[in-house]
């Protein structure tokens, strides 16, 4: 397989050349100061969120607030009290039982319709440092691989021009910059694009930032190069990502195998899941080693407790959802035609069983969170396609969907809801693929069958004149 080549020459970021803050400024408070820190606002409910055994975002926010208190005024482009005012407004929302964020209009960067989520306080007189508190979404690298030079550089940038608070990562996958003023949006955008070779992600009614699992970079189960696919489609569909033209959001997610580490089956309008067409590879010697206790099942994941000896009948064969595994004359046999790719047997005995070598991906459509008609999983529609750069066969499928959904979808209607409304038969017509028995979840309950004229061949005249001749008054 050819080595992956990026679409443009990649810069090597060096933190020492890009850094904004000195080590002394980055480590500008003591543990004692943090222990004695008091927010400028009275925040009893926020303080309660620090209690208990779990990490608390309030504790992190207080660290950032103390850090900003100790920075010089000219080392921040927005007010130093931004984090303390955020905590204060959050307490007010607890007190009054309602949010105090409002939508004050469209805000963004020049040339892009997405990537920035405008947010304004409706009590700016009380909390002036968060009168504006815009979020910026930054498109993550494929599989979220970073080096420390990149992370330190991006943290310095947001400390200087924003609140310093970030999410790694939003549920779609982006790096989330939390809170800045309108005047800082263009400078941040310029530095991301021209200096750090980094782009904004998607927001609004557009293609959201595609995301993928680790793929072949680190996973032995990967059947497709998720990073290469995700990178190619992200670059190819830049216009759809940055300039909203859809009825609502649209998400691609790429899972390298049916284990589904990015949960594409539950979280994306178009799910790509690596699979194989041939037989599961079996190492019979390793199977016997598992049965004899020489190799720990599940790669040792359940070590630390005595679960008793490994029982292949109970732990593998009886748990196969399609009942396609048997021990025959002391050897493990799999009826591969019945395999549904659940991965359980492979996960349990990874040194004995491996995915096949004739690989590609399955494409599923229609997953979404509960907005209008409730949450739904995506539906397996195309069982197998080859995945080879430049993925023209996959782009053709994408564009068939995008010819249909933007034309027929209602405002704020996800692809899955359009499929529910117009029916799977319409989806198959759009994709120009035949129906399969595997698409049927239950027998039909509607007694009416609606035929298309072209589906009912007839030699007879079908004109009004012919009808009147036959049915004379």
Protein backbone atom coordinates (compact mmCIF):
# COMPACT_ATOMS: atom_id res chain seq x y z
CA UNK A 1 0.00 0.00 0.00
CA UNK A 2 1.29 3.46 -0.93
CA UNK A 3 2.36 5.74 1.88
CA UNK A 4 -0.08 8.51 2.76
CA UNK A 5 0.77 11.88 1.21
CA UNK A 6 -0.81 15.12 2.51
CA UNK A 7 -2.47 17.49 0.04
CA UNK A 8 -0.07 20.32 0.90
CA UNK A 9 3.40 20.70 2.37
CA UNK A 10 3.24 20.44 6.14
CA UNK A 11 4.86 22.98 8.44
CA UNK A 12 6.82 21.78 11.44
CA UNK A 13 5.57 23.84 14.37
CA UNK A 14 8.17 24.71 16.99
CA UNK A 15 6.83 26.04 20.25
CA UNK A 16 9.96 28.00 21.05
CA UNK A 17 9.35 30.05 17.89
CA UNK A 18 5.61 30.50 18.45
CA UNK A 19 5.31 30.79 22.21
CA UNK A 20 3.70 33.85 23.72
CA UNK A 21 4.28 33.25 27.44
CA UNK A 22 7.40 32.58 29.46
CA UNK A 23 7.66 29.60 31.80
CA UNK A 24 7.27 31.99 34.75
CA UNK A 25 4.02 33.36 33.32
CA UNK A 26 2.67 29.89 32.68
CA UNK A 27 3.44 28.76 36.24
CA UNK A 28 2.48 31.95 38.06
CA UNK A 29 0.69 30.68 41.18
CA UNK A 30 1.41 28.33 44.07
CA UNK A 31 -0.65 25.45 45.44
CA UNK A 32 -1.27 27.55 48.54
CA UNK A 33 -2.66 30.42 46.45
CA UNK A 34 -4.92 28.00 44.63
CA UNK A 35 -6.15 26.51 47.90
CA UNK A 36 -7.05 29.98 49.18
CA UNK A 37 -8.55 31.25 45.92
CA UNK A 38 -11.93 32.99 46.21
CA UNK A 39 -13.94 33.97 43.17
CA UNK A 40 -14.99 37.63 43.00
CA UNK A 41 -18.64 36.42 42.89
CA UNK A 42 -20.49 34.36 45.50
CA UNK A 43 -20.83 30.91 43.86
CA UNK A 44 -22.00 28.32 46.46
CA UNK A 45 -23.56 25.91 43.95
CA UNK A 46 -20.52 26.04 41.70
CA UNK A 47 -18.32 25.33 44.73
CA UNK A 48 -20.47 22.25 45.44
CA UNK A 49 -19.58 20.86 42.03
CA UNK A 50 -15.99 20.47 43.23
CA UNK A 51 -17.02 17.97 45.89
CA UNK A 52 -16.94 14.21 45.39
CA UNK A 53 -14.44 11.83 43.78
CA UNK A 54 -14.74 13.00 40.17
CA UNK A 55 -12.77 15.67 38.30
CA UNK A 56 -14.57 19.01 38.21
CA UNK A 57 -14.63 21.64 35.49
CA UNK A 58 -15.15 24.21 38.25
CA UNK A 59 -11.76 23.33 39.76
CA UNK A 60 -10.17 23.74 36.32
CA UNK A 61 -11.95 27.07 35.82
CA UNK A 62 -10.64 28.35 39.16
CA UNK A 63 -7.09 27.44 38.18
CA UNK A 64 -7.51 29.45 34.98
CA UNK A 65 -9.10 32.36 36.85
CA UNK A 66 -6.15 32.51 39.29
CA UNK A 67 -3.69 32.23 36.42
CA UNK A 68 -5.32 35.23 34.67
CA UNK A 69 -5.34 37.25 37.90
CA UNK A 70 -1.57 36.98 38.02
CA UNK A 71 -0.89 37.90 34.39
CA UNK A 72 -0.04 41.46 33.39
CA UNK A 73 -2.78 43.46 31.64
CA UNK A 74 -0.87 43.59 28.35
CA UNK A 75 -0.57 39.79 28.26
CA UNK A 76 -4.29 39.24 27.53
CA UNK A 77 -6.41 40.68 24.73
CA UNK A 78 -9.72 40.27 26.59
CA UNK A 79 -10.61 41.06 30.21
CA UNK A 80 -8.80 39.09 32.90
CA UNK A 81 -12.11 38.47 34.78
CA UNK A 82 -13.68 36.43 31.97
CA UNK A 83 -13.53 33.12 33.85
CA UNK A 84 -14.73 34.56 37.15
CA UNK A 85 -17.64 36.27 35.41
CA UNK A 86 -18.48 32.97 33.71
CA UNK A 87 -18.64 31.24 37.10
CA UNK A 88 -20.76 34.09 38.44
CA UNK A 89 -23.27 33.89 35.59
CA UNK A 90 -23.44 30.10 35.92
CA UNK A 91 -24.36 30.58 39.59
CA UNK A 92 -27.05 33.08 38.58
CA UNK A 93 -28.49 30.49 36.19
CA UNK A 94 -28.64 27.97 39.04
CA UNK A 95 -30.35 30.56 41.26
CA UNK A 96 -32.98 31.54 38.69
CA UNK A 97 -33.42 28.23 36.91
CA UNK A 98 -32.80 29.60 33.43
CA UNK A 99 -29.91 30.29 31.11
CA UNK A 100 -28.50 33.78 30.73
CA UNK A 101 -26.98 33.25 27.29
CA UNK A 102 -28.80 34.84 24.40
CA UNK A 103 -28.41 34.73 20.63
CA UNK A 104 -27.53 38.25 19.61
CA UNK A 105 -27.16 37.73 15.86
CA UNK A 106 -24.84 36.14 13.35
CA UNK A 107 -21.10 36.33 14.02
CA UNK A 108 -18.23 34.72 12.15
CA UNK A 109 -15.04 35.19 10.17
CA UNK A 110 -14.74 36.53 6.63
CA UNK A 111 -15.59 33.97 3.93
CA UNK A 112 -16.89 31.30 6.31
CA UNK A 113 -20.48 30.63 7.31
CA UNK A 114 -19.55 28.19 10.06
CA UNK A 115 -16.88 27.52 12.65
CA UNK A 116 -17.96 30.24 15.10
CA UNK A 117 -20.93 30.00 17.48
CA UNK A 118 -22.05 33.41 18.65
CA UNK A 119 -22.85 33.73 22.33
CA UNK A 120 -23.76 36.80 24.35
CA UNK A 121 -24.70 37.36 27.98
CA UNK A 122 -28.15 38.84 28.67
CA UNK A 123 -26.82 40.39 31.89
CA UNK A 124 -23.67 42.17 30.57
CA UNK A 125 -24.00 44.90 33.19
CA UNK A 126 -23.37 42.31 35.91
CA UNK A 127 -20.75 40.30 34.02
CA UNK A 128 -19.09 42.64 31.50
CA UNK A 129 -16.16 40.29 30.80
CA UNK A 130 -18.53 37.82 29.13
CA UNK A 131 -20.75 40.31 27.31
CA UNK A 132 -19.43 38.39 24.29
CA UNK A 133 -18.45 34.77 24.81
CA UNK A 134 -18.13 33.27 21.32
CA UNK A 135 -17.07 29.68 20.75
CA UNK A 136 -14.69 28.74 17.91
CA UNK A 137 -14.45 25.20 16.57
CA UNK A 138 -11.04 24.11 15.32
CA UNK A 139 -10.86 21.12 12.97
CA UNK A 140 -8.97 18.37 14.78
CA UNK A 141 -6.21 16.35 13.08
CA UNK A 142 -7.22 12.88 11.94
CA UNK A 143 -7.46 10.47 14.89
CA UNK A 144 -6.55 13.38 17.20
CA UNK A 145 -2.79 12.84 17.07
CA UNK A 146 -0.88 15.80 18.52
CA UNK A 147 2.62 16.68 19.56
CA UNK A 148 3.40 18.93 22.49
CA UNK A 149 4.67 21.79 20.31
CA UNK A 150 1.27 22.02 18.67
CA UNK A 151 -0.68 21.78 21.92
CA UNK A 152 1.43 24.38 23.70
CA UNK A 153 1.22 26.76 20.75
CA UNK A 154 -2.55 26.51 20.46
CA UNK A 155 -3.00 26.91 24.23
CA UNK A 156 -0.84 30.06 24.24
CA UNK A 157 -2.86 31.53 21.36
CA UNK A 158 -6.18 31.03 23.15
CA UNK A 159 -4.81 32.25 26.47
CA UNK A 160 -3.77 35.46 24.73
CA UNK A 161 -6.85 36.11 22.58
CA UNK A 162 -9.58 34.18 24.42
CA UNK A 163 -10.62 32.95 27.84
CA UNK A 164 -7.94 30.25 27.99
CA UNK A 165 -10.66 27.59 28.42
CA UNK A 166 -10.89 24.81 25.84
CA UNK A 167 -12.56 21.43 25.33
CA UNK A 168 -10.59 18.47 23.99
CA UNK A 169 -12.87 17.61 22.22
CA UNK A 170 -16.43 18.50 21.29
CA UNK A 171 -18.72 15.55 20.59
CA UNK A 172 -18.22 15.94 16.83
CA UNK A 173 -14.45 15.90 17.31
CA UNK A 174 -13.37 19.54 17.06
CA UNK A 175 -11.09 21.36 19.48
CA UNK A 176 -13.42 23.84 21.18
CA UNK A 177 -12.20 27.35 22.02
CA UNK A 178 -14.57 28.61 24.70
CA UNK A 179 -15.18 32.33 24.98
CA UNK A 180 -13.82 35.41 23.26
CA UNK A 181 -14.99 38.81 21.98
CA UNK A 182 -15.97 39.54 18.39
CA UNK A 183 -12.85 41.67 17.83
CA UNK A 184 -10.61 38.65 18.44
CA UNK A 185 -12.23 36.27 15.94
CA UNK A 186 -10.35 37.43 12.84
CA UNK A 187 -6.92 37.58 14.55
CA UNK A 188 -7.40 34.04 15.91
CA UNK A 189 -8.53 32.82 12.49
CA UNK A 190 -5.51 34.43 10.80
CA UNK A 191 -3.01 32.93 13.21
CA UNK A 192 -4.60 29.49 12.99
CA UNK A 193 -4.58 29.46 9.20
CA UNK A 194 -1.41 31.36 8.26
CA UNK A 195 0.90 30.44 11.11
CA UNK A 196 -0.33 27.12 12.51
CA UNK A 197 -1.71 25.65 9.25
CA UNK A 198 -4.94 24.89 11.05
CA UNK A 199 -8.55 25.40 9.92
CA UNK A 200 -11.88 25.98 11.61
CA UNK A 201 -14.37 23.14 11.88
CA UNK A 202 -18.02 23.02 10.91
CA UNK A 203 -21.05 24.50 12.64
CA UNK A 204 -24.58 25.30 11.55
CA UNK A 205 -26.39 23.63 8.66
CA UNK A 206 -23.34 22.25 6.93
CA UNK A 207 -20.99 19.29 6.83
CA UNK A 208 -19.55 18.99 10.34
CA UNK A 209 -15.89 18.16 10.83
CA UNK A 210 -15.41 14.51 9.81
CA UNK A 211 -13.78 12.33 12.46
CA UNK A 212 -12.22 8.88 12.56
CA UNK A 213 -10.74 6.23 14.83
CA UNK A 214 -7.01 5.44 15.09
CA UNK A 215 -7.33 3.19 12.07
CA UNK A 216 -4.24 1.52 10.67
CA UNK A 217 -1.98 3.91 12.59
CA UNK A 218 -2.31 1.79 15.72
CA UNK A 219 -5.08 -0.80 15.42
CA UNK A 220 -4.61 -4.35 14.15
CA UNK A 221 -8.35 -4.69 13.47
CA UNK A 222 -8.58 -1.76 11.03
CA UNK A 223 -9.96 -2.88 7.67
CA UNK A 224 -9.69 0.55 6.04
CA UNK A 225 -7.32 3.51 6.31
CA UNK A 226 -9.70 5.72 8.25
CA UNK A 227 -7.21 8.58 8.50
CA UNK A 228 -6.65 8.76 4.75
CA UNK A 229 -10.40 8.61 4.03
CA UNK A 230 -11.25 11.23 6.63
CA UNK A 231 -8.45 13.54 5.45
CA UNK A 232 -9.41 13.21 1.77
CA UNK A 233 -13.13 13.86 2.28
CA UNK A 234 -12.43 16.74 4.68
CA UNK A 235 -10.30 18.46 2.02
CA UNK A 236 -12.55 17.55 -0.89
CA UNK A 237 -15.70 18.94 0.75
CA UNK A 238 -14.29 22.20 2.12
CA UNK A 239 -17.07 24.26 0.56
CA UNK A 240 -19.78 22.12 2.20
CA UNK A 241 -17.91 22.31 5.52
CA UNK A 242 -17.46 26.09 5.64
CA UNK A 243 -20.50 27.46 3.78
CA UNK A 244 -23.82 26.17 5.14
CA UNK A 245 -26.24 25.15 2.37
CA UNK A 246 -28.02 22.14 3.89
CA UNK A 247 -31.37 21.78 5.71
CA UNK A 248 -29.43 20.91 8.89
CA UNK A 249 -26.14 19.40 10.03
CA UNK A 250 -24.54 16.43 8.24
CA UNK A 251 -21.87 14.21 9.76
CA UNK A 252 -19.33 11.72 8.38
CA UNK A 253 -17.64 9.34 10.83
CA UNK A 254 -15.15 6.60 9.98
CA UNK A 255 -14.77 3.39 12.01
CA UNK A 256 -11.94 1.13 10.93
CA UNK A 257 -13.76 -2.04 12.03
CA UNK A 258 -17.13 -3.07 13.49
CA UNK A 259 -15.90 -2.38 17.05
CA UNK A 260 -16.91 1.20 16.22
CA UNK A 261 -14.59 3.26 18.43
CA UNK A 262 -16.04 6.56 17.16
CA UNK A 263 -19.62 5.20 17.36
CA UNK A 264 -20.38 6.18 13.79
CA UNK A 265 -23.44 3.90 13.80
CA UNK A 266 -25.04 6.12 16.46
CA UNK A 267 -23.64 9.57 15.72
CA UNK A 268 -23.39 10.21 11.98
CA UNK A 269 -25.71 10.75 9.04
CA UNK A 270 -23.34 8.72 6.88
CA UNK A 271 -21.40 6.03 8.76
CA UNK A 272 -18.38 4.27 7.28
CA UNK A 273 -17.49 1.00 9.03
CA UNK A 274 -14.55 -1.15 7.97
CA UNK A 275 -15.43 -4.76 7.16
CA UNK A 276 -14.27 -7.78 5.16
CA UNK A 277 -15.81 -10.03 2.47
CA UNK A 278 -13.84 -13.21 2.93
CA UNK A 279 -13.47 -15.58 5.89
CA UNK A 280 -12.28 -14.80 9.40
CA UNK A 281 -8.69 -16.03 9.69
CA UNK A 282 -8.29 -18.80 12.28
CA UNK A 283 -5.09 -19.97 13.99
CA UNK A 284 -6.12 -23.38 15.39
CA UNK A 285 -2.99 -23.67 17.55
CA UNK A 286 -3.80 -20.37 19.24
CA UNK A 287 -7.41 -21.53 19.75
CA UNK A 288 -6.08 -24.54 21.68
CA UNK A 289 -3.77 -22.25 23.66
CA UNK A 290 -6.78 -20.18 24.76
CA UNK A 291 -8.71 -23.33 25.70
CA UNK A 292 -5.71 -24.64 27.65
CA UNK A 293 -5.26 -21.37 29.56
CA UNK A 294 -1.88 -20.55 27.99
CA UNK A 295 -3.19 -17.25 26.59
CA UNK A 296 -5.46 -14.93 28.56
CA UNK A 297 -8.76 -14.10 26.80
CA UNK A 298 -9.65 -10.51 25.89
CA UNK A 299 -5.92 -9.72 25.71
CA UNK A 300 -5.78 -9.84 29.52
CA UNK A 301 -8.34 -7.05 29.94
CA UNK A 302 -10.15 -8.90 32.74
CA UNK A 303 -7.03 -9.73 34.75
CA UNK A 304 -7.06 -8.98 38.47
CA UNK A 305 -10.00 -11.20 39.40
CA UNK A 306 -10.37 -14.97 39.32
CA UNK A 307 -13.04 -15.62 36.69
CA UNK A 308 -12.20 -19.31 36.53
CA UNK A 309 -10.74 -21.14 33.50
CA UNK A 310 -11.63 -19.91 30.02
CA UNK A 311 -14.73 -21.68 28.64
CA UNK A 312 -14.88 -21.28 24.85
CA UNK A 313 -18.41 -22.70 24.71
CA UNK A 314 -19.79 -20.29 27.28
CA UNK A 315 -17.70 -17.22 26.49
CA UNK A 316 -17.56 -17.37 22.68
CA UNK A 317 -19.74 -19.96 20.96
CA UNK A 318 -22.94 -19.43 22.99
CA UNK A 319 -22.60 -15.64 22.71
CA UNK A 320 -22.42 -15.55 18.90
CA UNK A 321 -25.51 -13.54 17.84
CA UNK A 322 -25.89 -15.42 14.55
CA UNK A 323 -25.02 -18.83 16.02
CA UNK A 324 -22.38 -19.41 13.37
CA UNK A 325 -19.50 -20.84 15.48
CA UNK A 326 -18.96 -24.50 16.33
CA UNK A 327 -16.23 -26.78 17.66
CA UNK A 328 -15.96 -29.69 15.21
CA UNK A 329 -13.57 -32.53 16.03
CA UNK A 330 -11.64 -30.27 18.38
CA UNK A 331 -11.28 -27.47 15.84
CA UNK A 332 -13.06 -24.13 15.73
CA UNK A 333 -15.29 -23.68 12.69
CA UNK A 334 -17.12 -20.55 11.53
CA UNK A 335 -20.01 -20.42 9.04
CA UNK A 336 -18.81 -17.14 7.54
CA UNK A 337 -21.93 -16.65 5.42
CA UNK A 338 -23.92 -16.20 8.63
CA UNK A 339 -21.35 -13.96 10.40
CA UNK A 340 -22.73 -10.50 11.21
CA UNK A 341 -19.32 -8.98 12.05
CA UNK A 342 -20.09 -8.38 15.74
CA UNK A 343 -16.35 -8.80 16.56
CA UNK A 344 -17.02 -10.62 19.84
CA UNK A 345 -15.08 -13.77 19.00
CA UNK A 346 -12.17 -11.76 17.58
CA UNK A 347 -12.07 -9.47 20.63
CA UNK A 348 -12.14 -12.45 22.98
CA UNK A 349 -9.42 -14.43 21.18
CA UNK A 350 -7.40 -11.83 19.23
CA UNK A 351 -4.37 -14.09 18.77
CA UNK A 352 -6.51 -16.88 17.33
CA UNK A 353 -9.00 -14.97 15.16
CA UNK A 354 -8.44 -12.04 12.82
CA UNK A 355 -10.58 -10.20 10.25
CA UNK A 356 -10.31 -11.36 6.65
CA UNK A 357 -8.01 -9.78 4.07
CA UNK A 358 -10.56 -8.80 1.38
CA UNK A 359 -11.43 -5.51 3.04
CA UNK A 360 -13.52 -2.41 2.40
CA UNK A 361 -16.30 -0.61 4.26
CA UNK A 362 -20.03 -0.79 4.87
CA UNK A 363 -22.00 2.44 4.49
CA UNK A 364 -24.92 3.22 6.77
CA UNK A 365 -27.29 6.18 6.73
CA UNK A 366 -29.46 8.14 9.11
CA UNK A 367 -28.14 8.16 12.69
CA UNK A 368 -28.87 11.18 14.86
CA UNK A 369 -29.41 12.43 18.40
CA UNK A 370 -32.92 13.11 19.81
CA UNK A 371 -33.86 16.47 18.29
CA UNK A 372 -37.20 16.09 16.46
CA UNK A 373 -38.27 12.44 16.30
CA UNK A 374 -35.96 10.87 18.87
CA UNK A 375 -32.56 9.22 18.58
CA UNK A 376 -31.97 6.60 15.92
CA UNK A 377 -29.14 4.40 14.72
CA UNK A 378 -27.97 4.41 11.14
CA UNK A 379 -29.26 1.76 8.74
CA UNK A 380 -26.97 -0.59 6.84
CA UNK A 381 -27.65 0.27 3.20
CA UNK A 382 -24.49 -0.57 1.24
CA UNK A 383 -22.89 -3.73 2.70
CA UNK A 384 -19.51 -3.42 0.98
CA UNK A 385 -17.55 -0.92 -1.11
CA UNK A 386 -13.85 -0.75 -1.86
CA UNK A 387 -11.94 2.06 -0.15
CA UNK A 388 -9.05 3.18 -2.31
CA UNK A 389 -7.70 6.68 -2.81
CA UNK A 390 -9.11 9.02 -4.15
CA UNK A 391 -12.39 7.35 -3.08
CA UNK A 392 -14.33 8.42 -6.19
CA UNK A 393 -16.85 5.60 -5.70
CA UNK A 394 -17.64 6.91 -2.22
CA UNK A 395 -17.86 10.54 -3.38
CA UNK A 396 -20.46 9.47 -5.97
CA UNK A 397 -22.60 8.01 -3.18
CA UNK A 398 -22.22 11.16 -1.06
CA UNK A 399 -23.28 13.39 -3.92
CA UNK A 400 -26.38 11.31 -4.69
CA UNK A 401 -27.49 11.88 -1.10
CA UNK A 402 -26.66 15.59 -1.32
CA UNK A 403 -28.68 15.94 -4.53
CA UNK A 404 -31.74 14.55 -2.71
CA UNK A 405 -31.64 15.68 0.92
CA UNK A 406 -31.07 19.46 0.42
CA UNK A 407 -33.87 19.44 -2.18
CA UNK A 408 -36.43 17.40 -0.24
CA UNK A 409 -35.45 17.94 3.41
CA UNK A 410 -37.39 20.34 5.59
CA UNK A 411 -35.67 22.99 7.70
CA UNK A 412 -33.79 21.32 10.57
CA UNK A 413 -34.61 17.85 9.25
CA UNK A 414 -31.72 15.39 9.46
CA UNK A 415 -31.16 12.78 6.77
CA UNK A 416 -32.53 10.04 9.02
CA UNK A 417 -35.79 11.95 9.48
CA UNK A 418 -36.14 12.44 5.73
CA UNK A 419 -35.66 8.68 5.28
CA UNK A 420 -38.37 8.08 7.91
CA UNK A 421 -40.72 10.52 6.18
CA UNK A 422 -40.22 9.43 2.57
CA UNK A 423 -39.34 5.79 3.20
CA UNK A 424 -36.37 3.49 2.67
CA UNK A 425 -37.63 2.73 -0.84
CA UNK A 426 -37.04 6.36 -1.78
CA UNK A 427 -33.51 6.22 -0.34
CA UNK A 428 -32.74 3.12 -2.43
CA UNK A 429 -34.16 4.82 -5.51
CA UNK A 430 -31.88 7.82 -4.92
CA UNK A 431 -28.84 5.57 -4.46
CA UNK A 432 -29.84 3.39 -7.41
CA UNK A 433 -29.39 0.15 -5.49
CA UNK A 434 -31.81 -2.79 -5.13
CA UNK A 435 -33.50 -3.65 -1.82
CA UNK A 436 -32.17 -6.59 0.20
CA UNK A 437 -33.85 -8.88 2.74
CA UNK A 438 -31.36 -7.67 5.37
CA UNK A 439 -33.00 -4.21 5.23
CA UNK A 440 -36.34 -5.62 6.48
CA UNK A 441 -36.75 -5.38 10.24
CA UNK A 442 -40.29 -6.82 10.41
CA UNK A 443 -43.07 -7.98 8.08
CA UNK A 444 -45.16 -5.19 6.57
CA UNK A 445 -48.30 -4.18 8.46
CA UNK A 446 -49.68 -1.77 5.85
CA UNK A 447 -51.99 -3.72 3.48
CA UNK A 448 -51.75 -1.10 0.73
CA UNK A 449 -49.11 -1.41 -1.96
CA UNK A 450 -48.43 1.61 -4.14
CA UNK A 451 -47.05 0.72 -7.56
CA UNK A 452 -45.31 3.05 -9.93
CA UNK A 453 -46.62 2.98 -13.47
CA UNK A 454 -43.26 1.93 -14.86
CA UNK A 455 -43.23 -1.05 -12.48
CA UNK A 456 -46.50 -2.43 -13.93
CA UNK A 457 -45.92 -3.37 -17.58
CA UNK A 458 -49.07 -3.36 -19.68
CA UNK A 459 -49.89 -3.79 -23.36
CA UNK A 460 -53.23 -2.00 -23.01
CA UNK A 461 -53.95 1.61 -23.87
CA UNK A 462 -53.99 3.74 -20.76
CA UNK A 463 -55.65 6.90 -22.10
CA UNK A 464 -58.87 8.62 -21.11
CA UNK A 465 -60.31 7.89 -24.56
CA UNK A 466 -59.71 4.16 -24.13
CA UNK A 467 -61.36 4.29 -20.71
CA UNK A 468 -64.48 6.01 -22.13
CA UNK A 469 -64.76 3.55 -24.97
CA UNK A 470 -64.73 0.70 -22.48
CA UNK A 471 -67.10 2.33 -19.99
CA UNK A 472 -69.77 3.92 -22.17
CA UNK A 473 -72.75 5.53 -20.45
